[in-house]
Amino acid sequence: MITIALLSLPLLAAIFLLISRSAMAKQIALVATIAELVIAVVAAVQFVQNSSVQFLANYSWIPSLGIDFKVGMDGISLLLVLLTAFLMPFIVHVSFKKNYDKEWAFYALLLLAQSGLIGVFTSLNGFLFYFFWEVVLIPVYFLAILWGGERRVAVTFKFFIYTVLGSFFMLLGFIYLYLQTPGGSFDMAALQSVQLDREAQGWVFWAFFIAFAIKMPVFPFHTWQPDMYAESPVSVTMLLSALMVKMAVYGVFRWILPVTPLAVEDWGNVVIILSVIGIIYASCIAIVQKNLRRLVAYASIAHVGLMSAGVFAMNSQGLQGAMFQMLSHGIGAVALFYIIEMIYEKTGTMEIASLGGITSKAPVFATIFLIFILSTIAMPLTNGFWGEFLLLLGVYKYSMVLGTISTLTIVLGAVYMLRMYQASMLGKANAVTQSFTDVTLPEGIILSVIVVVIFFMGVQPSVFIDIAKPAIENILSPVTQTVIN
């Protein structure tokens, strides 16, 4: 029942807000997300570290079509559910100082997106996975188009077209697999056990990969992302960068690797090359960005590119690194966008050239910001180190040349992140930053929670690696066996 509770709590809270239109929508949403985190922690405490699916719930939905409401968690699912539950209170709270029109609808949509995310990460039925995948898109679309920036309509429409097109290809892939199962079934185990020849696997591979590549996004499917991050409300930007990206990487784990191993062998090298190109391209574009949000948006493309390369390297180091980096990147994205929003609230600008001298006015704020920067550029003892280390090791093990090129992500990341920090935090204060105030006690507590998690993950990575390891081995073992045969 824990999985059902995780799915139901944000959904029920969203329905309550839509019906009641409560003036305390902010507080209700925050309480609901904190309660969700408590349930997720209980699940983590009760979880047994093996490859089995736990907290299973299975209800007949449309039996004539082989569609069941079947949900549960293995180690991979649990970590992403924990990530979602941990980050949602920050995503809700960051908008507390905003006065949105119809706040009850704004926070209800955020909660609906959380329920959809949990559904994606716990679905054990192909149709259910697709259903929740689309459920997440709906509230994000309305959040961006109703409360976004001046260019929100054009930007959100582009995002919608991209993602709907990708979803269409994924649906075709599921339907084809469904037709290959005995008697017709969307059950995950049944779909993963379908035996396809190399050519058929190739078509299914691209059907799924296009959908996932758009959502990550992987070069050259990334063009919707920077504008969407810049024009969306900060909560939506956090949601997109920290969590929705992980849906796509998770989809590769669940569907591409087990279902199309021969196609991964044939086309994985192409994907890794595209991913490495994306790393270099996005990093170079990030270096010349003048806006804080857009810089972090391109940095996100670079980090996701490395995750994609690690997954398709098809070895344990790459998959473990991708899993760990999903957690680290999610936390880092929320941390950076939270800081950027605080800068915007205090200065009224996100333009890097307009800032400077903040360290002298707000030393605690500048110190916390520096910790977040160091985590992003993978400094040892921070959470960012282990994910990138394992990913680079995995890609290098796959190809020495591609692995060597991929290491540029660390060098270029240090360039654009430290230059941003230097320009915005150091030097002399100006008219814009002269009255910049340091963090308040509530702000300090919130930011300190993230700092503690960053260092805990950096010092004790095995806590998280060990949870996912059996499930990763369960995915990797039959895949490599099929390729060898």
Protein backbone atom coordinates (compact mmCIF):
# COMPACT_ATOMS: atom_id res chain seq x y z
CA MET A 1 0.00 0.00 0.00
CA ILE A 2 3.01 2.34 0.32
CA THR A 3 3.23 2.76 -3.45
CA ILE A 4 -0.50 3.54 -3.68
CA ALA A 5 -0.12 6.06 -0.85
CA LEU A 6 2.76 7.76 -2.67
CA LEU A 7 0.65 8.02 -5.81
CA SER A 8 -2.54 9.08 -4.05
CA LEU A 9 -1.39 11.72 -1.55
CA PRO A 10 -0.34 14.45 -4.03
CA LEU A 11 -3.26 13.58 -6.29
CA LEU A 12 -5.80 13.92 -3.46
CA ALA A 13 -4.17 17.15 -2.30
CA ALA A 14 -4.37 18.52 -5.85
CA ILE A 15 -8.06 17.58 -6.12
CA PHE A 16 -8.74 19.21 -2.75
CA LEU A 17 -7.13 22.47 -3.89
CA LEU A 18 -9.05 22.47 -7.16
CA ILE A 19 -12.36 21.94 -5.36
CA SER A 20 -11.82 24.13 -2.32
CA ARG A 21 -9.80 26.92 -4.01
CA SER A 22 -8.27 27.46 -0.61
CA ALA A 23 -6.50 30.71 0.22
CA MET A 24 -3.90 28.58 2.00
CA ALA A 25 -2.92 26.70 -1.15
CA LYS A 26 0.80 27.29 -0.57
CA GLN A 27 0.75 25.88 2.92
CA ILE A 28 -1.44 22.90 1.96
CA ALA A 29 0.84 22.01 -0.96
CA LEU A 30 3.93 22.25 1.23
CA VAL A 31 2.43 20.07 3.95
CA ALA A 32 1.35 17.51 1.33
CA THR A 33 4.85 17.32 -0.18
CA ILE A 34 6.47 16.97 3.25
CA ALA A 35 4.03 14.18 4.13
CA GLU A 36 4.94 12.53 0.82
CA LEU A 37 8.61 12.70 1.80
CA VAL A 38 7.85 11.01 5.12
CA ILE A 39 6.10 8.13 3.32
CA ALA A 40 9.03 7.80 0.90
CA VAL A 41 11.48 7.64 3.79
CA VAL A 42 9.37 4.92 5.43
CA ALA A 43 9.52 2.98 2.16
CA ALA A 44 13.30 3.38 2.06
CA VAL A 45 13.65 2.12 5.64
CA GLN A 46 11.52 -0.94 4.89
CA PHE A 47 13.18 -1.66 1.54
CA VAL A 48 15.25 -4.84 1.29
CA GLN A 49 18.33 -4.40 -0.88
CA ASN A 50 17.82 -6.95 -3.62
CA SER A 51 16.65 -6.94 -7.24
CA SER A 52 13.03 -7.84 -6.49
CA VAL A 53 10.08 -5.53 -6.96
CA GLN A 54 8.73 -4.50 -3.57
CA PHE A 55 5.64 -2.64 -2.30
CA LEU A 56 3.74 -4.23 -5.18
CA ALA A 57 0.13 -3.29 -5.91
CA ASN A 58 -1.70 -4.91 -8.82
CA TYR A 59 -5.31 -4.20 -9.77
CA SER A 60 -7.13 -5.24 -12.93
CA TRP A 61 -7.94 -2.16 -15.02
CA ILE A 62 -8.79 -3.10 -18.62
CA PRO A 63 -8.22 -6.87 -18.69
CA SER A 64 -9.41 -7.30 -22.27
CA LEU A 65 -6.43 -5.21 -23.41
CA GLY A 66 -3.91 -6.60 -20.94
CA ILE A 67 -3.81 -3.34 -18.99
CA ASP A 68 -3.42 -3.59 -15.22
CA PHE A 69 -2.82 -0.90 -12.64
CA LYS A 70 0.42 -2.52 -11.54
CA VAL A 71 2.97 -0.51 -9.55
CA GLY A 72 5.93 -1.30 -7.34
CA MET A 73 9.54 -0.39 -6.66
CA ASP A 74 12.95 -1.91 -7.07
CA GLY A 75 16.13 -0.06 -6.06
CA ILE A 76 16.16 2.18 -9.14
CA SER A 77 12.53 3.17 -8.69
CA LEU A 78 12.97 3.76 -4.96
CA LEU A 79 15.86 6.20 -5.44
CA LEU A 80 13.93 8.25 -7.99
CA VAL A 81 10.82 8.25 -5.81
CA LEU A 82 12.99 9.48 -2.93
CA LEU A 83 14.50 12.16 -5.17
CA THR A 84 11.05 13.34 -6.24
CA ALA A 85 9.73 13.37 -2.67
CA PHE A 86 12.84 15.17 -1.37
CA LEU A 87 12.84 17.90 -4.01
CA MET A 88 9.13 18.70 -4.22
CA PRO A 89 9.00 20.68 -0.93
CA PHE A 90 11.77 22.94 -2.29
CA ILE A 91 9.98 23.25 -5.64
CA VAL A 92 6.79 24.29 -3.86
CA HIS A 93 8.48 26.58 -1.34
CA VAL A 94 10.56 28.53 -3.87
CA SER A 95 7.36 30.20 -5.13
CA PHE A 96 6.09 31.24 -1.69
CA LYS A 97 7.09 34.87 -2.27
CA LYS A 98 5.27 34.95 -5.59
CA ASN A 99 1.67 36.08 -5.81
CA TYR A 100 0.30 34.05 -8.68
CA ASP A 101 -3.22 34.55 -9.93
CA LYS A 102 -5.34 31.55 -8.88
CA GLU A 103 -2.67 30.11 -6.62
CA TRP A 104 -4.84 27.15 -5.80
CA ALA A 105 -4.62 26.04 -9.43
CA PHE A 106 -0.86 26.67 -9.61
CA TYR A 107 -0.07 24.48 -6.59
CA ALA A 108 -2.66 21.86 -7.56
CA LEU A 109 -0.92 21.44 -10.90
CA LEU A 110 2.46 21.06 -9.18
CA LEU A 111 1.01 18.30 -7.00
CA LEU A 112 -0.57 16.61 -10.01
CA ALA A 113 2.83 16.62 -11.72
CA GLN A 114 4.34 14.99 -8.64
CA SER A 115 1.74 12.23 -8.72
CA GLY A 116 2.50 11.64 -12.39
CA LEU A 117 6.23 11.46 -11.73
CA ILE A 118 5.74 8.87 -9.01
CA GLY A 119 3.55 6.94 -11.43
CA VAL A 120 6.26 6.92 -14.11
CA PHE A 121 8.89 5.68 -11.65
CA THR A 122 6.71 2.91 -10.21
CA SER A 123 4.75 1.66 -13.24
CA LEU A 124 5.09 -2.04 -14.03
CA ASN A 125 2.81 -1.92 -17.05
CA GLY A 126 3.77 -0.39 -20.39
CA PHE A 127 0.46 1.37 -20.94
CA LEU A 128 0.49 2.68 -17.38
CA PHE A 129 4.02 4.03 -17.93
CA TYR A 130 2.81 5.85 -21.05
CA PHE A 131 -0.29 7.09 -19.22
CA PHE A 132 1.69 8.66 -16.39
CA TRP A 133 4.27 10.00 -18.85
CA GLU A 134 1.49 12.00 -20.47
CA VAL A 135 -0.06 12.94 -17.11
CA VAL A 136 3.14 14.78 -16.16
CA LEU A 137 3.10 16.76 -19.41
CA ILE A 138 -0.40 18.20 -18.89
CA PRO A 139 0.16 20.18 -15.65
CA VAL A 140 3.61 21.35 -16.78
CA TYR A 141 2.10 22.68 -20.00
CA PHE A 142 -0.55 24.70 -18.16
CA LEU A 143 1.89 25.90 -15.49
CA ALA A 144 4.24 27.25 -18.14
CA ILE A 145 1.66 28.75 -20.49
CA LEU A 146 -0.44 30.41 -17.76
CA TRP A 147 2.26 31.70 -15.41
CA GLY A 148 5.37 31.90 -17.59
CA GLY A 149 7.25 34.87 -19.03
CA GLU A 150 6.47 37.15 -21.95
CA ARG A 151 7.39 34.55 -24.59
CA ARG A 152 5.62 31.74 -22.78
CA VAL A 153 3.03 30.91 -25.48
CA ALA A 154 5.50 30.31 -28.30
CA VAL A 155 8.06 28.60 -26.06
CA THR A 156 5.53 26.31 -24.37
CA PHE A 157 3.91 25.41 -27.68
CA LYS A 158 7.31 24.35 -29.03
CA PHE A 159 7.91 22.25 -25.92
CA PHE A 160 4.46 20.70 -26.27
CA ILE A 161 4.95 19.80 -29.95
CA TYR A 162 8.35 18.25 -29.25
CA THR A 163 7.15 16.13 -26.35
CA VAL A 164 3.87 15.04 -27.95
CA LEU A 165 5.76 13.97 -31.08
CA GLY A 166 8.15 11.96 -28.94
CA SER A 167 5.28 10.41 -27.02
CA PHE A 168 3.66 9.37 -30.30
CA PHE A 169 6.73 7.36 -31.27
CA MET A 170 6.88 5.78 -27.82
CA LEU A 171 3.22 4.76 -28.08
CA LEU A 172 3.91 3.11 -31.42
CA GLY A 173 6.75 1.18 -29.79
CA PHE A 174 4.50 -0.03 -26.98
CA ILE A 175 1.74 -1.05 -29.38
CA TYR A 176 4.18 -3.03 -31.51
CA LEU A 177 5.58 -4.84 -28.45
CA TYR A 178 2.04 -5.48 -27.19
CA LEU A 179 1.16 -7.21 -30.46
CA GLN A 180 4.18 -9.50 -30.10
CA THR A 181 3.18 -10.81 -26.66
CA PRO A 182 1.18 -14.06 -26.35
CA GLY A 183 -2.45 -13.07 -25.99
CA GLY A 184 -1.62 -9.37 -25.86
CA SER A 185 -0.27 -7.88 -22.66
CA PHE A 186 1.22 -4.55 -21.56
CA ASP A 187 2.79 -6.09 -18.46
CA MET A 188 6.39 -4.93 -18.13
CA ALA A 189 7.76 -8.44 -17.71
CA ALA A 190 5.85 -9.64 -20.78
CA LEU A 191 7.04 -6.73 -22.92
CA GLN A 192 10.64 -7.12 -21.76
CA SER A 193 10.60 -10.84 -22.60
CA VAL A 194 9.50 -10.32 -26.22
CA GLN A 195 12.08 -11.84 -28.58
CA LEU A 196 12.62 -9.57 -31.60
CA ASP A 197 15.06 -9.97 -34.45
CA ARG A 198 17.76 -7.34 -34.96
CA GLU A 199 15.83 -5.30 -37.52
CA ALA A 200 12.66 -5.16 -35.41
CA GLN A 201 14.71 -4.19 -32.37
CA GLY A 202 16.19 -1.33 -34.38
CA TRP A 203 12.75 0.12 -35.16
CA VAL A 204 11.58 -0.23 -31.54
CA PHE A 205 14.85 1.25 -30.30
CA TRP A 206 14.40 4.43 -32.31
CA ALA A 207 10.73 4.71 -31.39
CA PHE A 208 11.64 4.78 -27.72
CA PHE A 209 14.90 6.68 -28.07
CA ILE A 210 13.35 9.63 -29.90
CA ALA A 211 10.83 10.04 -27.07
CA PHE A 212 13.48 9.80 -24.38
CA ALA A 213 16.07 11.89 -26.25
CA ILE A 214 13.61 14.78 -26.56
CA LYS A 215 12.78 14.72 -22.87
CA MET A 216 16.40 14.44 -21.62
CA PRO A 217 17.24 16.30 -23.97
CA VAL A 218 20.10 14.84 -26.04
CA PHE A 219 21.72 16.78 -28.89
CA PRO A 220 20.21 17.63 -31.39
CA PHE A 221 16.78 17.26 -29.72
CA HIS A 222 17.58 19.96 -27.14
CA THR A 223 16.43 23.18 -28.82
CA TRP A 224 13.22 23.52 -26.78
CA GLN A 225 15.03 23.40 -23.45
CA PRO A 226 16.92 26.70 -22.85
CA ASP A 227 13.93 28.90 -23.75
CA MET A 228 11.57 26.73 -21.71
CA TYR A 229 13.83 26.99 -18.66
CA ALA A 230 14.15 30.76 -19.08
CA GLU A 231 10.46 31.52 -19.64
CA SER A 232 8.83 29.14 -17.15
CA PRO A 233 8.04 29.94 -13.51
CA VAL A 234 10.96 28.93 -11.31
CA SER A 235 9.05 25.97 -9.87
CA VAL A 236 8.43 24.62 -13.36
CA THR A 237 12.07 25.14 -14.34
CA MET A 238 13.09 23.13 -11.28
CA LEU A 239 10.55 20.44 -12.11
CA LEU A 240 11.78 20.16 -15.69
CA SER A 241 15.48 20.12 -14.91
CA ALA A 242 15.56 18.14 -11.68
CA LEU A 243 12.84 15.54 -12.25
CA MET A 244 11.32 15.36 -15.72
CA VAL A 245 14.74 14.79 -17.27
CA LYS A 246 15.05 11.72 -15.05
CA MET A 247 11.88 10.24 -16.54
CA ALA A 248 13.69 9.85 -19.84
CA VAL A 249 16.89 8.36 -18.43
CA TYR A 250 14.75 6.02 -16.36
CA GLY A 251 12.88 5.04 -19.53
CA VAL A 252 16.17 3.96 -21.11
CA PHE A 253 16.85 1.75 -18.09
CA ARG A 254 13.39 0.19 -18.16
CA TRP A 255 12.63 -0.18 -21.86
CA ILE A 256 15.51 0.33 -24.28
CA LEU A 257 18.18 -1.76 -22.53
CA PRO A 258 16.05 -4.84 -21.69
CA VAL A 259 13.90 -4.86 -24.85
CA THR A 260 16.37 -3.91 -27.59
CA PRO A 261 19.88 -5.12 -26.58
CA LEU A 262 20.90 -5.95 -30.16
CA ALA A 263 19.81 -2.50 -31.34
CA VAL A 264 21.77 -0.93 -28.49
CA GLU A 265 24.79 -2.85 -29.75
CA ASP A 266 24.15 -1.51 -33.28
CA TRP A 267 23.18 2.06 -32.47
CA GLY A 268 24.64 2.73 -29.02
CA ASN A 269 27.83 4.15 -30.51
CA VAL A 270 25.79 6.71 -32.47
CA VAL A 271 23.96 7.76 -29.31
CA ILE A 272 27.19 8.08 -27.34
CA ILE A 273 28.74 10.23 -30.08
CA LEU A 274 25.65 12.47 -30.12
CA SER A 275 25.81 12.66 -26.33
CA VAL A 276 29.50 13.64 -26.34
CA ILE A 277 28.85 16.26 -29.02
CA GLY A 278 26.08 17.59 -26.79
CA ILE A 279 28.45 17.78 -23.83
CA ILE A 280 30.98 19.89 -25.72
CA TYR A 281 28.40 21.99 -27.56
CA ALA A 282 26.30 22.82 -24.49
CA SER A 283 29.37 23.55 -22.38
CA CYS A 284 30.76 25.97 -24.96
CA ILE A 285 27.38 27.72 -25.27
CA ALA A 286 27.16 27.91 -21.45
CA ILE A 287 30.50 29.74 -21.31
CA VAL A 288 29.16 32.69 -23.32
CA GLN A 289 25.77 32.94 -21.61
CA LYS A 290 24.92 36.25 -19.97
CA ASN A 291 21.82 35.10 -18.10
CA LEU A 292 22.07 32.91 -14.99
CA ARG A 293 19.11 30.70 -15.83
CA ARG A 294 20.16 30.10 -19.42
CA LEU A 295 23.68 29.24 -18.29
CA VAL A 296 22.37 26.58 -15.91
CA ALA A 297 20.03 25.34 -18.65
CA TYR A 298 22.96 24.64 -20.99
CA ALA A 299 24.94 23.16 -18.11
CA SER A 300 22.05 20.74 -17.60
CA ILE A 301 22.26 19.64 -21.25
CA ALA A 302 25.96 18.89 -20.78
CA HIS A 303 25.36 16.86 -17.61
CA VAL A 304 22.51 14.90 -19.17
CA GLY A 305 24.69 14.21 -22.21
CA LEU A 306 27.21 12.50 -19.96
CA MET A 307 24.42 10.48 -18.32
CA SER A 308 23.19 9.36 -21.73
CA ALA A 309 26.70 8.33 -22.79
CA GLY A 310 27.17 6.38 -19.57
CA VAL A 311 23.91 4.46 -19.95
CA PHE A 312 24.64 3.42 -23.52
CA ALA A 313 28.18 2.38 -22.61
CA MET A 314 26.41 -0.75 -21.38
CA ASN A 315 28.59 -1.54 -18.38
CA SER A 316 28.01 -1.49 -14.64
CA GLN A 317 30.11 1.63 -14.05
CA GLY A 318 28.17 3.60 -16.62
CA LEU A 319 24.76 2.51 -15.33
CA GLN A 320 25.69 3.04 -11.68
CA GLY A 321 27.14 6.44 -12.57
CA ALA A 322 23.99 7.43 -14.46
CA MET A 323 21.85 6.36 -11.51
CA PHE A 324 23.93 8.29 -9.00
CA GLN A 325 24.19 11.32 -11.29
CA MET A 326 20.42 11.43 -11.69
CA LEU A 327 20.22 12.03 -7.94
CA SER A 328 23.12 14.49 -7.86
CA HIS A 329 21.97 16.45 -10.89
CA GLY A 330 18.43 16.69 -9.52
CA ILE A 331 19.63 18.08 -6.21
CA GLY A 332 22.15 20.37 -7.90
CA ALA A 333 19.60 21.77 -10.34
CA VAL A 334 17.13 22.64 -7.59
CA ALA A 335 19.95 24.15 -5.50
CA LEU A 336 21.20 26.38 -8.32
CA PHE A 337 17.77 27.54 -9.45
CA TYR A 338 16.85 28.24 -5.81
CA ILE A 339 19.95 30.43 -5.48
CA ILE A 340 19.28 32.17 -8.79
CA GLU A 341 15.71 32.92 -7.72
CA MET A 342 17.00 34.43 -4.47
CA ILE A 343 19.39 36.63 -6.47
CA TYR A 344 16.51 37.73 -8.71
CA GLU A 345 14.28 38.52 -5.72
CA LYS A 346 17.00 40.67 -4.14
CA THR A 347 18.29 42.42 -7.28
CA GLY A 348 15.55 42.20 -9.89
CA THR A 349 17.92 40.78 -12.50
CA MET A 350 19.45 37.49 -13.68
CA GLU A 351 21.98 39.18 -15.96
CA ILE A 352 25.47 38.21 -14.84
CA ALA A 353 27.06 41.50 -15.95
CA SER A 354 24.70 43.45 -13.67
CA LEU A 355 25.86 41.61 -10.55
CA GLY A 356 29.07 41.59 -8.53
CA GLY A 357 30.35 42.15 -5.02
CA ILE A 358 27.70 40.02 -3.36
CA THR A 359 30.31 38.20 -1.25
CA SER A 360 31.06 41.38 0.68
CA LYS A 361 27.36 41.97 1.35
CA ALA A 362 26.19 38.39 1.97
CA PRO A 363 29.12 36.08 2.89
CA VAL A 364 26.91 33.20 4.05
CA PHE A 365 24.88 33.30 0.84
CA ALA A 366 28.07 33.41 -1.24
CA THR A 367 29.56 30.46 0.68
CA ILE A 368 26.48 28.29 0.15
CA PHE A 369 26.42 29.26 -3.52
CA LEU A 370 30.08 28.24 -3.82
CA ILE A 371 29.29 24.81 -2.31
CA PHE A 372 26.58 24.33 -4.91
CA ILE A 373 29.02 25.34 -7.65
CA LEU A 374 31.69 22.92 -6.40
CA SER A 375 29.13 20.13 -6.36
CA THR A 376 28.15 20.92 -9.96
CA ILE A 377 31.76 20.76 -11.16
CA ALA A 378 32.26 17.41 -9.38
CA MET A 379 34.67 18.33 -6.62
CA PRO A 380 35.62 15.40 -4.34
CA LEU A 381 33.57 15.09 -1.13
CA THR A 382 30.49 16.45 -2.92
CA ASN A 383 27.72 14.41 -4.50
CA GLY A 384 28.66 15.53 -8.00
CA PHE A 385 32.02 13.76 -7.87
CA TRP A 386 30.89 10.14 -7.73
CA GLY A 387 28.35 10.32 -10.51
CA GLU A 388 30.76 11.94 -12.97
CA PHE A 389 33.63 9.67 -11.92
CA LEU A 390 31.61 6.51 -12.55
CA LEU A 391 30.15 7.87 -15.79
CA LEU A 392 33.55 8.82 -17.18
CA LEU A 393 34.92 5.45 -16.11
CA GLY A 394 32.05 3.71 -17.87
CA VAL A 395 32.44 5.70 -21.11
CA TYR A 396 36.24 5.28 -21.03
CA LYS A 397 35.78 1.54 -20.58
CA TYR A 398 33.54 1.55 -23.66
CA SER A 399 35.86 3.74 -25.76
CA MET A 400 39.14 5.34 -24.73
CA VAL A 401 38.71 8.11 -27.31
CA LEU A 402 35.12 9.00 -26.37
CA GLY A 403 35.95 8.68 -22.67
CA THR A 404 38.87 11.09 -23.04
CA ILE A 405 36.75 13.62 -24.91
CA SER A 406 34.02 13.29 -22.30
CA THR A 407 36.41 14.41 -19.56
CA LEU A 408 36.21 17.88 -21.10
CA THR A 409 32.89 18.20 -19.28
CA ILE A 410 34.82 18.69 -16.03
CA VAL A 411 37.20 21.28 -17.50
CA LEU A 412 34.53 23.24 -19.36
CA GLY A 413 32.13 22.94 -16.43
CA ALA A 414 34.70 24.51 -14.14
CA VAL A 415 35.20 27.32 -16.66
CA TYR A 416 31.57 28.40 -17.01
CA MET A 417 30.57 27.81 -13.40
CA LEU A 418 33.55 29.53 -11.79
CA ARG A 419 33.38 32.43 -14.25
CA MET A 420 29.72 32.86 -13.36
CA TYR A 421 30.57 32.82 -9.67
CA GLN A 422 33.43 35.26 -10.09
CA ALA A 423 31.35 37.73 -12.09
CA SER A 424 28.29 37.59 -9.86
CA MET A 425 29.78 37.18 -6.38
CA LEU A 426 33.26 38.73 -6.35
CA GLY A 427 34.55 42.22 -7.04
CA LYS A 428 32.95 45.42 -5.83
CA ALA A 429 29.28 45.88 -5.13
CA ASN A 430 27.38 48.13 -7.52
CA ALA A 431 24.06 49.94 -7.48
CA VAL A 432 22.17 46.69 -8.11
CA THR A 433 23.90 44.65 -5.39
CA GLN A 434 24.65 47.39 -2.86
CA SER A 435 21.60 46.53 -0.74
CA PHE A 436 21.90 42.75 -1.15
CA THR A 437 21.05 41.09 2.17
CA ASP A 438 22.36 37.82 3.54
CA VAL A 439 20.24 34.73 4.05
CA THR A 440 17.59 34.85 6.74
CA LEU A 441 17.27 32.06 9.31
CA PRO A 442 14.48 30.24 7.40
CA GLU A 443 16.43 30.55 4.14
CA GLY A 444 19.57 29.32 5.88
CA ILE A 445 17.78 26.25 7.24
CA ILE A 446 16.37 25.39 3.82
CA LEU A 447 19.70 25.79 2.04
CA SER A 448 21.56 23.96 4.80
CA VAL A 449 19.43 20.85 4.23
CA ILE A 450 20.67 20.73 0.63
CA VAL A 451 24.26 21.33 1.74
CA VAL A 452 24.08 18.44 4.22
CA VAL A 453 22.72 16.09 1.54
CA ILE A 454 25.44 17.18 -0.91
CA PHE A 455 28.20 16.28 1.53
CA PHE A 456 26.49 13.14 2.83
CA MET A 457 26.21 11.76 -0.70
CA GLY A 458 29.80 12.78 -1.36
CA VAL A 459 31.14 11.03 1.73
CA GLN A 460 28.78 8.00 1.75
CA PRO A 461 27.99 7.23 -1.90
CA SER A 462 27.69 3.50 -1.19
CA VAL A 463 24.41 4.10 0.65
CA PHE A 464 22.79 5.01 -2.67
CA ILE A 465 24.88 2.84 -4.98
CA ASP A 466 24.09 -0.28 -2.96
CA ILE A 467 20.33 0.34 -3.17
CA ALA A 468 20.36 0.43 -6.97
CA LYS A 469 23.14 -2.10 -7.62
CA PRO A 470 21.03 -5.33 -7.57
CA ALA A 471 18.42 -3.83 -9.90
CA ILE A 472 21.13 -2.55 -12.26
CA GLU A 473 22.77 -5.98 -12.34
CA ASN A 474 19.36 -7.49 -13.02
CA ILE A 475 18.99 -5.23 -16.07
CA LEU A 476 22.55 -5.56 -17.29
CA SER A 477 23.02 -9.33 -16.96
CA PRO A 478 20.49 -10.54 -19.56
CA VAL A 479 21.35 -7.62 -21.84
CA THR A 480 25.05 -8.45 -21.99
CA GLN A 481 24.24 -12.14 -22.28
CA THR A 482 22.06 -11.48 -25.32
CA VAL A 483 24.74 -9.34 -26.96
CA ILE A 484 27.42 -11.99 -26.32
CA ASN A 485 25.23 -14.70 -27.83
